[in-house]
Amino acid sequence: MSKKILIIGSGIAGIAASLKLKSYGLSSTIVDKADFIGGRISTRIDKKGNNDFCFFHGAQFFTARSENFKKIIKKGLCNNYIKRFEKKIPEQYRGFPTMRNFLIRLSSNLIIKQNHKVINIYRSNKKINVLYENTSTIEVYDAVISTLPSPQNIELLKKFPSLTKTLSQASYDSCIALMIAYNKVPEDIPSFFDFSNNKKIINWMASSNNNTCWTIHANPLYSNQNLNKNKLSIQNEILQEVNKVLLPSKDSNFYQIIYNKLHIWKYAKVKNIAKGNQIDPIDPIAIAGDFMEGPRVESAFISGEKAADLIFNRLKA
């Protein structure tokens, strides 16, 4: 069966969908508007002077419960692009040497085009027509899977009311992420601090694979309430909390921040899961993402596989 299939979004859901279709003998093309693959399994690499800074500013780790995702983890561990993180139960894992490397290796045999933004989708003669930004050319596909966050999907798929009805049920908490790098930190400092039971500003903070680079995520309440606040004020409020935890006051002049950057995830963590059709009742277009299954990385993977199954069955009917 030869079909032209498009997947929108190069995060874990889109990659899972493409891999599943490939297992059925169907090739697909993944497109994404961003510069790099990963979605919220993200890595930010910046250079300042002679220093390279690497931050995992989205998800910090992932776990595996389903058999298919366990196989993915096992392969990554064997090939050294996944490492165990924070020896906890259930087991936690990270991409190595960066979170992005996990998806780069996982998708190495897939067709992925970054910096491609889809701006319109509509049906025509049992096909799906797709329009990209900065072009007047219409691309025609046999099937489409969109893995954008539900609010963005609602706007893109407005001509498919059954899917927008499903998508409208999902909601997210935002997340304010602060990335900071120190000139040095105490050698015995933990790599992860969990403040989820603390009602102050910070939800957690974690280092990347280099303990001088840290990502701090504000808790949902603070993030939702301060999305439009002055960024410098947000940064200062978060840093005040960080310094209380990370560095004793007597050392505060010895350990200096040499890099800082604020990032806002508007659709960070699924709060309410969407329930309803994952594929249009008539047209070969499906949706996938954590909004269909839950906030874990593996949830997005499972949703991507389910969308691929739905599309495969629709196309062979």
C-alpha atoms as a PDB file:
ATOM      1  CA  MET A   1       0.000   0.000   0.000  1.00  0.00           C
ATOM      2  CA  SER A   2       1.617   3.240  -1.167  1.00  0.00           C
ATOM      3  CA  LYS A   3       0.234   6.345   0.508  1.00  0.00           C
ATOM      4  CA  LYS A   4       1.356   9.931   1.085  1.00  0.00           C
ATOM      5  CA  ILE A   5       1.029  10.640   4.817  1.00  0.00           C
ATOM      6  CA  LEU A   6       1.837  13.831   6.704  1.00  0.00           C
ATOM      7  CA  ILE A   7       2.544  14.103  10.434  1.00  0.00           C
ATOM      8  CA  ILE A   8       2.532  17.567  11.986  1.00  0.00           C
ATOM      9  CA  GLY A   9       4.863  17.937  14.956  1.00  0.00           C
ATOM     10  CA  SER A  10       8.282  16.382  15.552  1.00  0.00           C
ATOM     11  CA  GLY A  11       7.834  15.656  19.259  1.00  0.00           C
ATOM     12  CA  ILE A  12       7.517  12.188  20.745  1.00  0.00           C
ATOM     13  CA  ALA A  13       3.890  11.751  19.571  1.00  0.00           C
ATOM     14  CA  GLY A  14       4.728  12.534  15.952  1.00  0.00           C
ATOM     15  CA  ILE A  15       7.812  10.337  15.960  1.00  0.00           C
ATOM     16  CA  ALA A  16       5.875   7.461  17.567  1.00  0.00           C
ATOM     17  CA  ALA A  17       3.179   7.763  14.888  1.00  0.00           C
ATOM     18  CA  SER A  18       5.736   7.726  12.092  1.00  0.00           C
ATOM     19  CA  LEU A  19       7.553   4.710  13.553  1.00  0.00           C
ATOM     20  CA  LYS A  20       4.280   2.809  13.915  1.00  0.00           C
ATOM     21  CA  LEU A  21       3.281   3.553  10.324  1.00  0.00           C
ATOM     22  CA  LYS A  22       6.742   2.444   9.202  1.00  0.00           C
ATOM     23  CA  SER A  23       6.178  -0.892  10.967  1.00  0.00           C
ATOM     24  CA  TYR A  24       3.130  -1.335   8.692  1.00  0.00           C
ATOM     25  CA  GLY A  25       5.180  -0.565   5.606  1.00  0.00           C
ATOM     26  CA  LEU A  26       3.892   3.002   5.272  1.00  0.00           C
ATOM     27  CA  SER A  27       6.273   5.921   4.935  1.00  0.00           C
ATOM     28  CA  SER A  28       5.389   9.366   6.252  1.00  0.00           C
ATOM     29  CA  THR A  29       6.834  12.849   6.391  1.00  0.00           C
ATOM     30  CA  ILE A  30       7.034  14.760   9.680  1.00  0.00           C
ATOM     31  CA  VAL A  31       6.980  18.564   9.548  1.00  0.00           C
ATOM     32  CA  ASP A  32       7.490  21.025  12.382  1.00  0.00           C
ATOM     33  CA  LYS A  33       7.680  24.810  12.571  1.00  0.00           C
ATOM     34  CA  ALA A  34      10.595  24.811  15.046  1.00  0.00           C
ATOM     35  CA  ASP A  35      14.330  24.620  14.376  1.00  0.00           C
ATOM     36  CA  PHE A  36      14.864  21.307  16.164  1.00  0.00           C
ATOM     37  CA  ILE A  37      12.967  18.116  16.869  1.00  0.00           C
ATOM     38  CA  GLY A  38      11.729  17.289  20.332  1.00  0.00           C
ATOM     39  CA  GLY A  39       8.787  19.460  21.300  1.00  0.00           C
ATOM     40  CA  ARG A  40       8.846  19.521  25.089  1.00  0.00           C
ATOM     41  CA  ILE A  41      11.569  16.856  25.221  1.00  0.00           C
ATOM     42  CA  SER A  42      13.832  19.750  24.512  1.00  0.00           C
ATOM     43  CA  THR A  43      17.421  20.819  24.813  1.00  0.00           C
ATOM     44  CA  ARG A  44      18.696  24.369  24.599  1.00  0.00           C
ATOM     45  CA  ILE A  45      22.349  24.821  23.736  1.00  0.00           C
ATOM     46  CA  ASP A  46      23.799  28.336  23.898  1.00  0.00           C
ATOM     47  CA  LYS A  47      27.293  29.710  23.648  1.00  0.00           C
ATOM     48  CA  LYS A  48      28.551  32.731  25.582  1.00  0.00           C
ATOM     49  CA  GLY A  49      32.177  33.671  25.193  1.00  0.00           C
ATOM     50  CA  ASN A  50      34.220  30.506  25.607  1.00  0.00           C
ATOM     51  CA  ASN A  51      31.430  28.723  27.474  1.00  0.00           C
ATOM     52  CA  ASP A  52      28.882  26.260  26.087  1.00  0.00           C
ATOM     53  CA  PHE A  53      25.652  25.936  28.060  1.00  0.00           C
ATOM     54  CA  CYS A  54      23.255  23.007  27.756  1.00  0.00           C
ATOM     55  CA  PHE A  55      19.826  22.962  29.388  1.00  0.00           C
ATOM     56  CA  PHE A  56      16.988  20.446  29.470  1.00  0.00           C
ATOM     57  CA  HIS A  57      14.324  23.122  29.766  1.00  0.00           C
ATOM     58  CA  GLY A  58      11.296  20.908  29.121  1.00  0.00           C
ATOM     59  CA  ALA A  59      10.734  17.390  30.451  1.00  0.00           C
ATOM     60  CA  GLN A  60      13.539  16.284  32.765  1.00  0.00           C
ATOM     61  CA  PHE A  61      13.034  12.551  32.514  1.00  0.00           C
ATOM     62  CA  PHE A  62      10.661   9.867  31.256  1.00  0.00           C
ATOM     63  CA  THR A  63       9.376   6.555  32.573  1.00  0.00           C
ATOM     64  CA  ALA A  64       8.149   3.411  30.841  1.00  0.00           C
ATOM     65  CA  ARG A  65       5.126   1.241  31.638  1.00  0.00           C
ATOM     66  CA  SER A  66       3.905  -0.012  28.256  1.00  0.00           C
ATOM     67  CA  GLU A  67       5.749  -2.866  26.546  1.00  0.00           C
ATOM     68  CA  ASN A  68       6.421  -0.877  23.369  1.00  0.00           C
ATOM     69  CA  PHE A  69       7.965   2.049  25.221  1.00  0.00           C
ATOM     70  CA  LYS A  70       9.995  -0.313  27.400  1.00  0.00           C
ATOM     71  CA  LYS A  71      11.495  -1.717  24.187  1.00  0.00           C
ATOM     72  CA  ILE A  72      12.401   1.828  23.111  1.00  0.00           C
ATOM     73  CA  ILE A  73      14.113   2.436  26.465  1.00  0.00           C
ATOM     74  CA  LYS A  74      15.971  -0.870  26.364  1.00  0.00           C
ATOM     75  CA  LYS A  75      17.333  -0.154  22.893  1.00  0.00           C
ATOM     76  CA  GLY A  76      18.440   3.327  23.969  1.00  0.00           C
ATOM     77  CA  LEU A  77      20.206   1.994  27.039  1.00  0.00           C
ATOM     78  CA  CYS A  78      22.008  -0.641  24.980  1.00  0.00           C
ATOM     79  CA  ASN A  79      23.128   1.959  22.433  1.00  0.00           C
ATOM     80  CA  ASN A  80      24.083   4.586  25.024  1.00  0.00           C
ATOM     81  CA  TYR A  81      21.688   7.360  23.986  1.00  0.00           C
ATOM     82  CA  ILE A  82      19.512   6.851  27.073  1.00  0.00           C
ATOM     83  CA  LYS A  83      20.786   6.814  30.654  1.00  0.00           C
ATOM     84  CA  ARG A  84      19.183   6.051  33.991  1.00  0.00           C
ATOM     85  CA  PHE A  85      18.409   9.191  35.998  1.00  0.00           C
ATOM     86  CA  GLU A  86      18.129   9.647  39.759  1.00  0.00           C
ATOM     87  CA  LYS A  87      17.982   5.961  40.732  1.00  0.00           C
ATOM     88  CA  LYS A  88      14.353   6.019  41.807  1.00  0.00           C
ATOM     89  CA  ILE A  89      11.397   3.675  41.555  1.00  0.00           C
ATOM     90  CA  PRO A  90       9.697   3.705  39.096  1.00  0.00           C
ATOM     91  CA  GLU A  91      12.880   4.001  37.055  1.00  0.00           C
ATOM     92  CA  GLN A  92      13.517   7.360  35.402  1.00  0.00           C
ATOM     93  CA  TYR A  93      15.488   7.943  32.211  1.00  0.00           C
ATOM     94  CA  ARG A  94      17.088  10.765  30.247  1.00  0.00           C
ATOM     95  CA  GLY A  95      18.419  11.177  26.749  1.00  0.00           C
ATOM     96  CA  PHE A  96      22.213  11.132  26.609  1.00  0.00           C
ATOM     97  CA  PRO A  97      24.265  13.222  26.264  1.00  0.00           C
ATOM     98  CA  THR A  98      21.233  15.492  25.915  1.00  0.00           C
ATOM     99  CA  MET A  99      17.479  14.956  25.962  1.00  0.00           C
ATOM    100  CA  ARG A 100      17.367  15.821  22.264  1.00  0.00           C
ATOM    101  CA  ASN A 101      19.748  12.953  21.434  1.00  0.00           C
ATOM    102  CA  PHE A 102      17.062  10.466  22.468  1.00  0.00           C
ATOM    103  CA  LEU A 103      14.686  11.646  19.745  1.00  0.00           C
ATOM    104  CA  ILE A 104      17.450  12.218  17.184  1.00  0.00           C
ATOM    105  CA  ARG A 105      18.479   8.579  17.468  1.00  0.00           C
ATOM    106  CA  LEU A 106      14.907   7.312  17.680  1.00  0.00           C
ATOM    107  CA  SER A 107      13.956   9.139  14.479  1.00  0.00           C
ATOM    108  CA  SER A 108      17.185   8.569  12.543  1.00  0.00           C
ATOM    109  CA  ASN A 109      15.423   6.611   9.772  1.00  0.00           C
ATOM    110  CA  LEU A 110      12.419   8.914   9.461  1.00  0.00           C
ATOM    111  CA  ILE A 111      11.782  11.842   7.102  1.00  0.00           C
ATOM    112  CA  ILE A 112      11.626  15.045   9.162  1.00  0.00           C
ATOM    113  CA  LYS A 113      11.456  18.620   7.892  1.00  0.00           C
ATOM    114  CA  GLN A 114      11.944  21.411  10.427  1.00  0.00           C
ATOM    115  CA  ASN A 115      10.960  25.052   9.822  1.00  0.00           C
ATOM    116  CA  HIS A 116       7.803  23.971   7.993  1.00  0.00           C
ATOM    117  CA  LYS A 117       4.644  25.525   9.404  1.00  0.00           C
ATOM    118  CA  VAL A 118       1.226  24.260   8.319  1.00  0.00           C
ATOM    119  CA  ILE A 119      -1.362  27.056   8.255  1.00  0.00           C
ATOM    120  CA  ASN A 120      -4.432  25.404   6.704  1.00  0.00           C
ATOM    121  CA  ILE A 121      -5.907  21.925   6.252  1.00  0.00           C
ATOM    122  CA  TYR A 122      -9.089  20.991   4.411  1.00  0.00           C
ATOM    123  CA  ARG A 123     -10.663  18.018   2.651  1.00  0.00           C
ATOM    124  CA  SER A 124     -10.988  17.626  -1.113  1.00  0.00           C
ATOM    125  CA  ASN A 125     -12.066  14.537  -3.056  1.00  0.00           C
ATOM    126  CA  LYS A 126     -11.320  12.120  -0.211  1.00  0.00           C
ATOM    127  CA  LYS A 127      -7.839  13.626   0.172  1.00  0.00           C
ATOM    128  CA  ILE A 128      -6.413  16.122   2.663  1.00  0.00           C
ATOM    129  CA  ASN A 129      -5.080  19.402   1.270  1.00  0.00           C
ATOM    130  CA  VAL A 130      -2.371  21.182   3.229  1.00  0.00           C
ATOM    131  CA  LEU A 131      -1.102  24.735   2.882  1.00  0.00           C
ATOM    132  CA  TYR A 132       2.260  25.764   4.311  1.00  0.00           C
ATOM    133  CA  GLU A 133       3.348  29.201   5.455  1.00  0.00           C
ATOM    134  CA  ASN A 134       5.165  31.379   2.889  1.00  0.00           C
ATOM    135  CA  THR A 135       3.997  29.363  -0.101  1.00  0.00           C
ATOM    136  CA  SER A 136       0.952  29.263  -2.346  1.00  0.00           C
ATOM    137  CA  THR A 137       1.420  25.604  -3.256  1.00  0.00           C
ATOM    138  CA  ILE A 138      -1.171  23.123  -1.997  1.00  0.00           C
ATOM    139  CA  GLU A 139       0.198  19.715  -0.982  1.00  0.00           C
ATOM    140  CA  VAL A 140      -2.232  16.799  -1.231  1.00  0.00           C
ATOM    141  CA  TYR A 141      -2.024  13.874   1.201  1.00  0.00           C
ATOM    142  CA  ASP A 142      -3.820  10.588   1.640  1.00  0.00           C
ATOM    143  CA  ALA A 143      -3.810  11.067   5.427  1.00  0.00           C
ATOM    144  CA  VAL A 144      -2.689  13.501   8.126  1.00  0.00           C
ATOM    145  CA  ILE A 145      -1.890  13.160  11.831  1.00  0.00           C
ATOM    146  CA  SER A 146      -1.573  16.391  13.801  1.00  0.00           C
ATOM    147  CA  THR A 147       0.211  16.352  17.161  1.00  0.00           C
ATOM    148  CA  LEU A 148       0.074  20.046  18.006  1.00  0.00           C
ATOM    149  CA  PRO A 149      -1.098  21.102  21.494  1.00  0.00           C
ATOM    150  CA  SER A 150      -4.892  21.059  21.577  1.00  0.00           C
ATOM    151  CA  PRO A 151      -5.462  24.874  21.398  1.00  0.00           C
ATOM    152  CA  GLN A 152      -3.249  25.110  18.301  1.00  0.00           C
ATOM    153  CA  ASN A 153      -4.890  22.023  16.819  1.00  0.00           C
ATOM    154  CA  ILE A 154      -8.341  23.541  17.301  1.00  0.00           C
ATOM    155  CA  GLU A 155      -7.345  26.528  15.170  1.00  0.00           C
ATOM    156  CA  LEU A 156      -5.691  24.388  12.497  1.00  0.00           C
ATOM    157  CA  LEU A 157      -8.441  21.756  12.275  1.00  0.00           C
ATOM    158  CA  LYS A 158     -11.478  24.041  12.431  1.00  0.00           C
ATOM    159  CA  LYS A 159     -12.878  22.429   9.271  1.00  0.00           C
ATOM    160  CA  PHE A 160     -13.104  19.092  11.129  1.00  0.00           C
ATOM    161  CA  PRO A 161     -15.695  19.698  13.895  1.00  0.00           C
ATOM    162  CA  SER A 162     -15.614  16.165  15.282  1.00  0.00           C
ATOM    163  CA  LEU A 163     -11.924  16.571  16.127  1.00  0.00           C
ATOM    164  CA  THR A 164     -12.240  20.108  17.463  1.00  0.00           C
ATOM    165  CA  LYS A 165     -15.009  18.872  19.773  1.00  0.00           C
ATOM    166  CA  THR A 166     -12.560  16.335  21.214  1.00  0.00           C
ATOM    167  CA  LEU A 167      -9.729  18.861  21.401  1.00  0.00           C
ATOM    168  CA  SER A 168     -11.862  21.463  23.189  1.00  0.00           C
ATOM    169  CA  GLN A 169     -12.056  19.229  26.267  1.00  0.00           C
ATOM    170  CA  ALA A 170      -8.323  19.362  26.925  1.00  0.00           C
ATOM    171  CA  SER A 171      -6.662  22.035  29.010  1.00  0.00           C
ATOM    172  CA  TYR A 172      -3.122  22.795  30.138  1.00  0.00           C
ATOM    173  CA  ASP A 173      -1.182  24.430  32.905  1.00  0.00           C
ATOM    174  CA  SER A 174       1.501  26.833  31.769  1.00  0.00           C
ATOM    175  CA  CYS A 175       5.067  26.663  33.007  1.00  0.00           C
ATOM    176  CA  ILE A 176       7.694  29.342  33.459  1.00  0.00           C
ATOM    177  CA  ALA A 177      11.182  27.872  33.080  1.00  0.00           C
ATOM    178  CA  LEU A 178      14.343  29.678  34.146  1.00  0.00           C
ATOM    179  CA  MET A 179      17.683  28.427  32.849  1.00  0.00           C
ATOM    180  CA  ILE A 180      20.773  29.473  34.797  1.00  0.00           C
ATOM    181  CA  ALA A 181      24.445  28.526  34.739  1.00  0.00           C
ATOM    182  CA  TYR A 182      26.921  28.998  37.558  1.00  0.00           C
ATOM    183  CA  ASN A 183      30.676  29.377  37.277  1.00  0.00           C
ATOM    184  CA  LYS A 184      30.830  26.431  39.692  1.00  0.00           C
ATOM    185  CA  VAL A 185      28.648  24.684  42.279  1.00  0.00           C
ATOM    186  CA  PRO A 186      29.424  22.524  45.313  1.00  0.00           C
ATOM    187  CA  GLU A 187      30.586  19.092  44.124  1.00  0.00           C
ATOM    188  CA  ASP A 188      28.242  17.140  46.385  1.00  0.00           C
ATOM    189  CA  ILE A 189      25.056  18.946  45.364  1.00  0.00           C
ATOM    190  CA  PRO A 190      22.116  16.758  44.200  1.00  0.00           C
ATOM    191  CA  SER A 191      21.085  16.971  40.551  1.00  0.00           C
ATOM    192  CA  PHE A 192      17.348  17.235  41.258  1.00  0.00           C
ATOM    193  CA  PHE A 193      15.267  19.092  43.850  1.00  0.00           C
ATOM    194  CA  ASP A 194      11.547  18.369  44.152  1.00  0.00           C
ATOM    195  CA  PHE A 195       9.404  21.152  45.624  1.00  0.00           C
ATOM    196  CA  SER A 196       6.042  19.886  44.368  1.00  0.00           C
ATOM    197  CA  ASN A 197       4.665  19.830  47.917  1.00  0.00           C
ATOM    198  CA  ASN A 198       5.867  23.357  48.545  1.00  0.00           C
ATOM    199  CA  LYS A 199       3.292  26.094  47.926  1.00  0.00           C
ATOM    200  CA  LYS A 200       5.881  28.742  47.050  1.00  0.00           C
ATOM    201  CA  ILE A 201       7.155  29.546  43.554  1.00  0.00           C
ATOM    202  CA  ILE A 202       9.309  26.624  42.468  1.00  0.00           C
ATOM    203  CA  ASN A 203       7.981  23.217  41.450  1.00  0.00           C
ATOM    204  CA  TRP A 204      11.372  21.600  40.891  1.00  0.00           C
ATOM    205  CA  MET A 205      14.896  22.357  39.738  1.00  0.00           C
ATOM    206  CA  ALA A 206      17.336  20.058  38.002  1.00  0.00           C
ATOM    207  CA  SER A 207      20.762  20.148  36.448  1.00  0.00           C
ATOM    208  CA  SER A 208      21.517  18.928  32.960  1.00  0.00           C
ATOM    209  CA  ASN A 209      24.292  16.401  32.476  1.00  0.00           C
ATOM    210  CA  ASN A 210      26.611  19.200  33.589  1.00  0.00           C
ATOM    211  CA  ASN A 211      25.902  20.261  37.176  1.00  0.00           C
ATOM    212  CA  THR A 212      26.674  23.911  36.489  1.00  0.00           C
ATOM    213  CA  CYS A 213      23.632  24.280  34.180  1.00  0.00           C
ATOM    214  CA  TRP A 214      20.209  24.242  35.843  1.00  0.00           C
ATOM    215  CA  THR A 215      16.582  24.473  34.806  1.00  0.00           C
ATOM    216  CA  ILE A 216      14.010  25.709  37.311  1.00  0.00           C
ATOM    217  CA  HIS A 217      10.298  25.198  36.648  1.00  0.00           C
ATOM    218  CA  ALA A 218       7.847  27.396  38.512  1.00  0.00           C
ATOM    219  CA  ASN A 219       4.751  25.665  39.848  1.00  0.00           C
ATOM    220  CA  PRO A 220       1.487  25.750  37.842  1.00  0.00           C
ATOM    221  CA  LEU A 221      -0.239  28.315  40.061  1.00  0.00           C
ATOM    222  CA  TYR A 222       2.611  30.824  39.830  1.00  0.00           C
ATOM    223  CA  SER A 223       3.101  30.166  36.110  1.00  0.00           C
ATOM    224  CA  ASN A 224      -0.574  30.577  35.202  1.00  0.00           C
ATOM    225  CA  GLN A 225      -0.849  33.807  37.188  1.00  0.00           C
ATOM    226  CA  ASN A 226       2.362  35.418  35.931  1.00  0.00           C
ATOM    227  CA  LEU A 227       2.531  34.638  32.217  1.00  0.00           C
ATOM    228  CA  ASN A 228       2.292  38.314  31.267  1.00  0.00           C
ATOM    229  CA  LYS A 229       4.364  39.708  34.109  1.00  0.00           C
ATOM    230  CA  ASN A 230       7.633  41.533  33.468  1.00  0.00           C
ATOM    231  CA  LYS A 231      10.235  38.855  32.735  1.00  0.00           C
ATOM    232  CA  LEU A 232      12.952  40.484  34.798  1.00  0.00           C
ATOM    233  CA  SER A 233      10.637  40.557  37.824  1.00  0.00           C
ATOM    234  CA  ILE A 234       9.805  36.875  37.336  1.00  0.00           C
ATOM    235  CA  GLN A 235      13.470  35.988  37.054  1.00  0.00           C
ATOM    236  CA  ASN A 236      14.367  37.864  40.226  1.00  0.00           C
ATOM    237  CA  GLU A 237      11.548  36.239  42.197  1.00  0.00           C
ATOM    238  CA  ILE A 238      12.582  32.761  41.099  1.00  0.00           C
ATOM    239  CA  LEU A 239      16.282  33.406  41.773  1.00  0.00           C
ATOM    240  CA  GLN A 240      15.537  34.527  45.314  1.00  0.00           C
ATOM    241  CA  GLU A 241      13.973  31.124  45.974  1.00  0.00           C
ATOM    242  CA  VAL A 242      16.739  29.258  44.153  1.00  0.00           C
ATOM    243  CA  ASN A 243      19.558  30.817  46.133  1.00  0.00           C
ATOM    244  CA  LYS A 244      17.907  29.827  49.396  1.00  0.00           C
ATOM    245  CA  VAL A 245      18.058  26.199  48.324  1.00  0.00           C
ATOM    246  CA  LEU A 246      21.053  25.772  46.076  1.00  0.00           C
ATOM    247  CA  LEU A 247      23.663  27.943  47.730  1.00  0.00           C
ATOM    248  CA  PRO A 248      24.187  28.792  51.390  1.00  0.00           C
ATOM    249  CA  SER A 249      24.300  32.533  52.016  1.00  0.00           C
ATOM    250  CA  LYS A 250      27.965  32.380  53.008  1.00  0.00           C
ATOM    251  CA  ASP A 251      28.822  31.028  49.550  1.00  0.00           C
ATOM    252  CA  SER A 252      26.591  33.322  47.508  1.00  0.00           C
ATOM    253  CA  ASN A 253      29.486  35.568  46.418  1.00  0.00           C
ATOM    254  CA  PHE A 254      31.692  32.595  45.513  1.00  0.00           C
ATOM    255  CA  TYR A 255      29.262  30.914  43.105  1.00  0.00           C
ATOM    256  CA  GLN A 256      28.270  33.357  40.391  1.00  0.00           C
ATOM    257  CA  ILE A 257      25.516  33.118  37.771  1.00  0.00           C
ATOM    258  CA  ILE A 258      27.161  33.532  34.374  1.00  0.00           C
ATOM    259  CA  TYR A 259      24.121  32.820  32.188  1.00  0.00           C
ATOM    260  CA  ASN A 260      20.353  33.162  32.530  1.00  0.00           C
ATOM    261  CA  LYS A 261      17.403  32.826  30.176  1.00  0.00           C
ATOM    262  CA  LEU A 262      13.650  32.678  30.747  1.00  0.00           C
ATOM    263  CA  HIS A 263      11.387  30.443  28.669  1.00  0.00           C
ATOM    264  CA  ILE A 264       7.593  30.235  28.885  1.00  0.00           C
ATOM    265  CA  TRP A 265       5.779  27.016  28.022  1.00  0.00           C
ATOM    266  CA  LYS A 266       2.214  28.155  27.406  1.00  0.00           C
ATOM    267  CA  TYR A 267       0.954  24.566  27.008  1.00  0.00           C
ATOM    268  CA  ALA A 268       3.211  22.721  29.427  1.00  0.00           C
ATOM    269  CA  LYS A 269       1.333  20.052  31.326  1.00  0.00           C
ATOM    270  CA  VAL A 270      -2.040  18.526  30.518  1.00  0.00           C
ATOM    271  CA  LYS A 271      -4.582  19.297  33.212  1.00  0.00           C
ATOM    272  CA  ASN A 272      -7.707  17.806  31.617  1.00  0.00           C
ATOM    273  CA  ILE A 273      -7.541  14.965  29.098  1.00  0.00           C
ATOM    274  CA  ALA A 274      -9.583  15.116  25.887  1.00  0.00           C
ATOM    275  CA  LYS A 275     -12.168  12.380  25.361  1.00  0.00           C
ATOM    276  CA  GLY A 276     -13.823  11.646  22.060  1.00  0.00           C
ATOM    277  CA  ASN A 277     -12.896  10.849  18.490  1.00  0.00           C
ATOM    278  CA  GLN A 278      -9.182  10.634  17.767  1.00  0.00           C
ATOM    279  CA  ILE A 279      -9.860  10.263  14.045  1.00  0.00           C
ATOM    280  CA  ASP A 280     -12.412  12.096  11.930  1.00  0.00           C
ATOM    281  CA  PRO A 281     -15.492   9.911  11.238  1.00  0.00           C
ATOM    282  CA  ILE A 282     -15.154  10.443   7.490  1.00  0.00           C
ATOM    283  CA  ASP A 283     -11.758  11.845   6.553  1.00  0.00           C
ATOM    284  CA  PRO A 284      -8.324  10.252   7.080  1.00  0.00           C
ATOM    285  CA  ILE A 285      -7.119  12.793   9.610  1.00  0.00           C
ATOM    286  CA  ALA A 286      -6.250  11.999  13.236  1.00  0.00           C
ATOM    287  CA  ILE A 287      -4.907  13.786  16.290  1.00  0.00           C
ATOM    288  CA  ALA A 288      -2.336  12.691  18.846  1.00  0.00           C
ATOM    289  CA  GLY A 289      -0.524  14.063  21.852  1.00  0.00           C
ATOM    290  CA  ASP A 290      -0.370  13.970  25.618  1.00  0.00           C
ATOM    291  CA  PHE A 291      -3.764  15.726  25.677  1.00  0.00           C
ATOM    292  CA  MET A 292      -5.311  12.371  24.684  1.00  0.00           C
ATOM    293  CA  GLU A 293      -3.602  10.204  27.323  1.00  0.00           C
ATOM    294  CA  GLY A 294      -2.028  12.239  30.140  1.00  0.00           C
ATOM    295  CA  PRO A 295       0.947  14.449  31.012  1.00  0.00           C
ATOM    296  CA  ARG A 296       3.734  11.847  30.899  1.00  0.00           C
ATOM    297  CA  VAL A 297       6.188  11.610  27.991  1.00  0.00           C
ATOM    298  CA  GLU A 298       5.105   8.009  27.436  1.00  0.00           C
ATOM    299  CA  SER A 299       1.475   9.142  27.186  1.00  0.00           C
ATOM    300  CA  ALA A 300       2.275  11.174  24.078  1.00  0.00           C
ATOM    301  CA  PHE A 301       4.126   8.178  22.627  1.00  0.00           C
ATOM    302  CA  ILE A 302       1.119   5.900  23.210  1.00  0.00           C
ATOM    303  CA  SER A 303      -1.231   8.465  21.652  1.00  0.00           C
ATOM    304  CA  GLY A 304       0.974   8.699  18.567  1.00  0.00           C
ATOM    305  CA  GLU A 305       0.903   4.925  18.117  1.00  0.00           C
ATOM    306  CA  LYS A 306      -2.889   4.877  18.490  1.00  0.00           C
ATOM    307  CA  ALA A 307      -3.292   7.582  15.852  1.00  0.00           C
ATOM    308  CA  ALA A 308      -1.098   5.604  13.459  1.00  0.00           C
ATOM    309  CA  ASP A 309      -3.215   2.489  14.018  1.00  0.00           C
ATOM    310  CA  LEU A 310      -6.378   4.472  13.266  1.00  0.00           C
ATOM    311  CA  ILE A 311      -4.936   5.916  10.071  1.00  0.00           C
ATOM    312  CA  PHE A 312      -3.613   2.526   8.918  1.00  0.00           C
ATOM    313  CA  ASN A 313      -6.998   0.896   9.422  1.00  0.00           C
ATOM    314  CA  ARG A 314      -8.788   3.741   7.669  1.00  0.00           C
ATOM    315  CA  LEU A 315      -6.488   3.609   4.652  1.00  0.00           C
ATOM    316  CA  LYS A 316      -6.734  -0.137   4.190  1.00  0.00           C
ATOM    317  CA  ALA A 317     -10.535  -0.148   4.473  1.00  0.00           C
END
